[in-house]
Amino acid sequence: MNKDLEEKYLSVIEDNVNVGKSNVGVEFVILILGIAAIFGMVYIFADNISNLFIDKMSTETQMKIENSISSNVSLDIDKNSKHVKKLNELRDKIISLDPELQNKSSFKIFEVKNKEINAFVIPNGTIYFTSGLLNKINDEETLAFILAHEMGHYAHRDHLKSISRDIIVYTLTSIFSNNQQNVNMTLNSISGLHALKYSRNQERNADRYANTVVYKLYGNNNGAVKFFEFLEKEEKTPEFLQYFSTHPATRERIKMLKGRNF
């Protein structure tokens, strides 16, 4: 009797149009892949729109925005050190090679009294080198590469592109999440990983820019390769963590420079 009831029950389910016959697990995977594909397109769209918009921006507008968002950096700096004087000479040589740098920022350079090995540029083109870097690296070609890399970020308007992209992504994420916390957290995680990839691409482009500059100045990129080989010895971070970093793996950058794979 129980067996008969079971067969009748199964028969009713099979004939009921309200009961799905597909595999729930497969449908879930398809849904997730579909969502990932949609948001992948959203972020690609954001990248392309922000890049196009910033590239078309006039120099006058660019400089106004850069100055407005470049607040005074509170650092212990030295603008008259022997290192800065040498960097200023290199800066002038680099500017003479690229019209994209001319008649824009004055590219002031400061030495930051800090033991870390670092250099960075802020949106208005001001460039900072740490004492930790300058005390360990004296080679002119290497310094020229590092300086050209930072100036490459400015030439490509990377700061403005990143800000523009973040605004677009934030707006789209807010629309799609519809204030649902779980969805918003998921989208922010996807957005964060994509932002890291976007940053790594900007770093690669700055490397390419700097590599071109040092070839024009010295006829080789030995200083560039020497710099990343130095960094590789200093690093203690496993290479696989590059996917969670704003910069490409150092080994990858050395390989690119040595192979001139641009």
Protein backbone atom coordinates (compact mmCIF):
# COMPACT_ATOMS: atom_id res chain seq x y z
CA MET A 1 0.00 0.00 0.00
CA ASN A 2 2.77 2.44 0.92
CA LYS A 3 4.56 1.65 -2.30
CA ASP A 4 1.41 2.44 -4.30
CA LEU A 5 1.02 5.78 -2.53
CA GLU A 6 4.65 6.63 -3.22
CA GLU A 7 4.25 5.90 -6.93
CA LYS A 8 1.09 8.04 -7.10
CA TYR A 9 2.89 10.89 -5.30
CA LEU A 10 5.81 10.76 -7.71
CA SER A 11 3.42 10.69 -10.62
CA VAL A 12 1.64 13.81 -9.36
CA ILE A 13 4.97 15.65 -8.98
CA GLU A 14 6.12 14.74 -12.48
CA ASP A 15 2.86 16.01 -13.98
CA ASN A 16 2.78 19.23 -11.93
CA VAL A 17 3.90 22.24 -14.01
CA ASN A 18 4.78 24.13 -10.82
CA VAL A 19 7.53 21.70 -9.93
CA GLY A 20 10.85 22.23 -11.68
CA LYS A 21 12.48 19.24 -13.29
CA SER A 22 15.94 20.69 -13.71
CA ASN A 23 18.91 20.20 -11.42
CA VAL A 24 18.91 22.93 -8.75
CA GLY A 25 22.69 22.77 -8.36
CA VAL A 26 23.26 23.30 -12.06
CA GLU A 27 20.83 26.20 -12.14
CA PHE A 28 22.62 27.81 -9.19
CA VAL A 29 26.01 27.50 -10.89
CA ILE A 30 24.59 28.97 -14.11
CA LEU A 31 23.08 31.84 -12.11
CA ILE A 32 26.38 32.60 -10.38
CA LEU A 33 28.30 32.45 -13.66
CA GLY A 34 25.72 34.72 -15.26
CA ILE A 35 26.02 37.27 -12.48
CA ALA A 36 29.82 37.12 -12.65
CA ALA A 37 29.70 37.66 -16.42
CA ILE A 38 27.36 40.64 -16.05
CA PHE A 39 29.53 42.30 -13.43
CA GLY A 40 32.66 41.50 -15.38
CA MET A 41 31.17 43.47 -18.25
CA VAL A 42 30.15 46.24 -15.85
CA TYR A 43 33.72 46.67 -14.60
CA ILE A 44 35.20 46.49 -18.10
CA PHE A 45 32.65 49.11 -19.10
CA ALA A 46 33.69 51.26 -16.13
CA ASP A 47 37.37 50.93 -17.07
CA ASN A 48 36.79 51.92 -20.68
CA ILE A 49 34.47 54.81 -19.90
CA SER A 50 36.73 56.31 -17.25
CA ASN A 51 39.81 55.96 -19.48
CA LEU A 52 38.05 57.52 -22.47
CA PHE A 53 36.62 60.35 -20.40
CA ILE A 54 39.92 61.25 -18.75
CA ASP A 55 41.94 60.92 -21.97
CA LYS A 56 39.59 63.40 -23.68
CA MET A 57 39.81 65.88 -20.81
CA SER A 58 41.56 69.16 -21.57
CA THR A 59 44.91 69.92 -19.96
CA GLU A 60 43.42 72.93 -18.17
CA THR A 61 40.63 70.86 -16.60
CA GLN A 62 43.08 68.10 -15.75
CA MET A 63 45.35 70.45 -13.81
CA LYS A 64 42.47 72.11 -11.97
CA ILE A 65 41.18 68.74 -10.75
CA GLU A 66 44.66 67.50 -9.86
CA ASN A 67 45.41 70.56 -7.77
CA SER A 68 42.03 70.41 -6.04
CA ILE A 69 42.46 66.79 -4.92
CA SER A 70 46.15 67.03 -4.01
CA SER A 71 46.02 68.09 -0.40
CA ASN A 72 49.21 69.03 1.38
CA VAL A 73 51.06 65.85 2.28
CA SER A 74 52.23 65.96 5.88
CA LEU A 75 55.68 64.36 5.70
CA ASP A 76 59.15 65.04 7.03
CA ILE A 77 60.75 66.15 3.77
CA ASP A 78 63.97 67.61 2.40
CA LYS A 79 63.80 69.54 -0.88
CA ASN A 80 67.46 70.51 -1.07
CA SER A 81 69.33 67.27 -0.47
CA LYS A 82 72.06 66.12 -2.86
CA HIS A 83 69.74 63.35 -3.99
CA VAL A 84 66.98 65.78 -4.88
CA LYS A 85 69.35 67.94 -6.90
CA LYS A 86 70.36 64.91 -8.98
CA LEU A 87 66.74 63.86 -9.43
CA ASN A 88 65.81 67.36 -10.59
CA GLU A 89 68.41 67.07 -13.35
CA LEU A 90 67.00 63.72 -14.43
CA ARG A 91 63.46 65.10 -14.29
CA ASP A 92 64.34 67.87 -16.74
CA LYS A 93 65.82 65.34 -19.16
CA ILE A 94 62.71 63.18 -19.01
CA ILE A 95 60.36 66.13 -19.55
CA SER A 96 62.31 67.14 -22.64
CA LEU A 97 61.54 63.74 -24.17
CA ASP A 98 57.75 63.78 -23.75
CA PRO A 99 55.32 66.57 -24.80
CA GLU A 100 52.72 64.98 -22.48
CA LEU A 101 54.78 66.22 -19.54
CA GLN A 102 55.53 69.68 -20.83
CA ASN A 103 53.69 72.83 -19.70
CA LYS A 104 51.84 70.91 -17.01
CA SER A 105 53.03 70.06 -13.54
CA SER A 106 56.34 71.45 -12.28
CA PHE A 107 57.05 67.94 -10.94
CA LYS A 108 58.55 69.04 -7.66
CA ILE A 109 60.67 66.35 -6.03
CA PHE A 110 61.15 65.80 -2.30
CA GLU A 111 63.10 63.37 -0.21
CA VAL A 112 61.01 61.85 2.56
CA LYS A 113 62.93 60.99 5.71
CA ASN A 114 61.76 57.42 5.96
CA LYS A 115 63.66 54.11 6.03
CA GLU A 116 61.22 52.32 3.72
CA ILE A 117 62.19 51.72 0.11
CA ASN A 118 59.55 53.63 -1.81
CA ALA A 119 58.75 56.35 -4.33
CA PHE A 120 55.34 57.74 -5.27
CA VAL A 121 53.65 60.56 -7.13
CA ILE A 122 50.49 62.40 -6.07
CA PRO A 123 47.84 63.68 -8.53
CA ASN A 124 49.38 67.13 -9.07
CA GLY A 125 52.69 65.59 -10.17
CA THR A 126 54.70 66.09 -6.99
CA ILE A 127 57.08 63.15 -6.54
CA TYR A 128 58.44 61.72 -3.29
CA PHE A 129 61.48 59.45 -2.81
CA THR A 130 62.21 57.95 0.59
CA SER A 131 65.65 58.24 2.17
CA GLY A 132 65.61 54.44 2.47
CA LEU A 133 65.51 54.16 -1.31
CA LEU A 134 67.97 56.96 -2.07
CA ASN A 135 70.54 55.73 0.46
CA LYS A 136 70.59 52.28 -1.14
CA ILE A 137 70.35 53.21 -4.82
CA ASN A 138 72.88 55.60 -6.32
CA ASP A 139 72.97 54.36 -9.90
CA GLU A 140 71.80 57.13 -12.25
CA GLU A 141 70.12 54.81 -14.75
CA THR A 142 68.20 53.08 -11.98
CA LEU A 143 67.04 56.38 -10.48
CA ALA A 144 66.04 57.57 -13.96
CA PHE A 145 63.85 54.49 -14.38
CA ILE A 146 62.15 54.94 -11.01
CA LEU A 147 61.56 58.64 -11.65
CA ALA A 148 60.26 57.98 -15.18
CA HIS A 149 57.92 55.31 -13.79
CA GLU A 150 56.31 57.83 -11.43
CA MET A 151 56.13 60.47 -14.16
CA GLY A 152 54.57 57.84 -16.41
CA HIS A 153 51.66 57.57 -13.97
CA TYR A 154 51.13 61.30 -14.41
CA ALA A 155 51.50 61.19 -18.20
CA HIS A 156 48.84 58.46 -18.32
CA ARG A 157 46.60 60.39 -15.88
CA ASP A 158 46.38 57.26 -13.75
CA HIS A 159 45.20 59.00 -10.58
CA LEU A 160 42.28 60.65 -12.34
CA LYS A 161 41.37 57.44 -14.18
CA SER A 162 41.32 55.48 -10.94
CA ILE A 163 39.12 58.06 -9.21
CA SER A 164 36.76 58.24 -12.19
CA ARG A 165 36.56 54.45 -12.37
CA ASP A 166 35.83 54.18 -8.63
CA ILE A 167 32.96 56.65 -8.94
CA ILE A 168 31.42 54.71 -11.84
CA VAL A 169 31.83 51.34 -10.09
CA TYR A 170 30.40 52.68 -6.82
CA THR A 171 27.36 54.06 -8.65
CA LEU A 172 26.71 50.84 -10.57
CA THR A 173 27.27 48.67 -7.50
CA SER A 174 24.80 50.75 -5.50
CA ILE A 175 22.19 50.39 -8.25
CA PHE A 176 22.60 46.62 -8.60
CA SER A 177 22.82 45.86 -4.88
CA ASN A 178 19.64 47.83 -4.13
CA ASN A 179 20.80 48.29 -0.52
CA GLN A 180 20.88 44.52 0.10
CA GLN A 181 23.80 43.93 2.45
CA ASN A 182 24.81 40.45 1.21
CA VAL A 183 24.68 41.48 -2.42
CA ASN A 184 26.55 44.68 -1.66
CA MET A 185 29.32 42.77 0.16
CA THR A 186 29.67 40.33 -2.73
CA LEU A 187 29.85 43.11 -5.30
CA ASN A 188 32.37 45.04 -3.23
CA SER A 189 34.57 41.94 -3.03
CA ILE A 190 34.42 41.46 -6.80
CA SER A 191 35.04 45.17 -7.29
CA GLY A 192 38.03 45.11 -4.93
CA LEU A 193 39.74 42.27 -6.79
CA HIS A 194 39.10 43.95 -10.13
CA ALA A 195 40.48 47.23 -8.79
CA LEU A 196 43.72 45.44 -7.85
CA LYS A 197 43.97 44.04 -11.36
CA TYR A 198 43.32 47.51 -12.78
CA SER A 199 46.09 48.95 -10.59
CA ARG A 200 48.53 46.24 -11.70
CA ASN A 201 47.83 47.12 -15.33
CA GLN A 202 48.59 50.76 -14.58
CA GLU A 203 51.89 49.71 -13.01
CA ARG A 204 52.82 47.64 -16.07
CA ASN A 205 52.06 50.60 -18.33
CA ALA A 206 54.21 52.86 -16.15
CA ASP A 207 57.03 50.28 -16.41
CA ARG A 208 56.72 50.31 -20.19
CA TYR A 209 56.78 54.10 -20.22
CA ALA A 210 59.88 54.25 -18.00
CA ASN A 211 61.57 51.53 -20.03
CA THR A 212 61.12 53.59 -23.20
CA VAL A 213 62.55 56.65 -21.44
CA VAL A 214 65.72 54.93 -20.20
CA TYR A 215 66.35 53.45 -23.63
CA LYS A 216 66.18 56.94 -25.10
CA LEU A 217 68.52 58.31 -22.44
CA TYR A 218 71.04 55.49 -22.13
CA GLY A 219 70.45 53.04 -24.97
CA ASN A 220 69.69 50.19 -22.54
CA ASN A 221 67.51 49.32 -19.56
CA ASN A 222 70.17 47.80 -17.32
CA GLY A 223 69.27 50.19 -14.52
CA ALA A 224 65.63 49.10 -14.62
CA VAL A 225 66.49 45.41 -14.42
CA LYS A 226 69.00 46.14 -11.63
CA PHE A 227 66.30 47.91 -9.61
CA PHE A 228 63.83 45.04 -9.71
CA GLU A 229 66.54 42.48 -8.99
CA PHE A 230 67.37 44.57 -5.92
CA LEU A 231 63.70 44.62 -4.91
CA GLU A 232 63.42 40.88 -5.39
CA LYS A 233 66.22 40.34 -2.87
CA GLU A 234 64.56 42.71 -0.40
CA GLU A 235 61.09 41.18 -0.68
CA LYS A 236 59.77 38.57 1.70
CA THR A 237 56.27 38.24 0.25
CA PRO A 238 55.36 35.00 -1.59
CA GLU A 239 54.85 35.57 -5.33
CA PHE A 240 51.34 34.06 -5.35
CA LEU A 241 50.13 37.01 -3.27
CA GLN A 242 50.56 39.22 -6.35
CA TYR A 243 46.86 38.66 -7.04
CA PHE A 244 46.08 40.59 -3.86
CA SER A 245 48.59 43.35 -4.56
CA THR A 246 48.40 46.68 -6.36
CA HIS A 247 51.67 45.85 -8.15
CA PRO A 248 52.65 42.97 -10.45
CA ALA A 249 55.05 40.35 -9.12
CA THR A 250 58.66 41.56 -9.24
CA ARG A 251 59.75 38.43 -11.09
CA GLU A 252 57.16 39.14 -13.78
CA ARG A 253 58.44 42.71 -14.15
CA ILE A 254 62.05 41.53 -14.51
CA LYS A 255 61.00 39.01 -17.15
CA MET A 256 59.13 41.69 -19.07
CA LEU A 257 62.08 44.10 -19.00
CA LYS A 258 64.64 41.50 -19.98
CA GLY A 259 62.50 40.22 -22.82
CA ARG A 260 61.45 43.72 -23.90
CA ASN A 261 58.00 42.17 -24.21
CA PHE A 262 56.08 45.42 -24.66
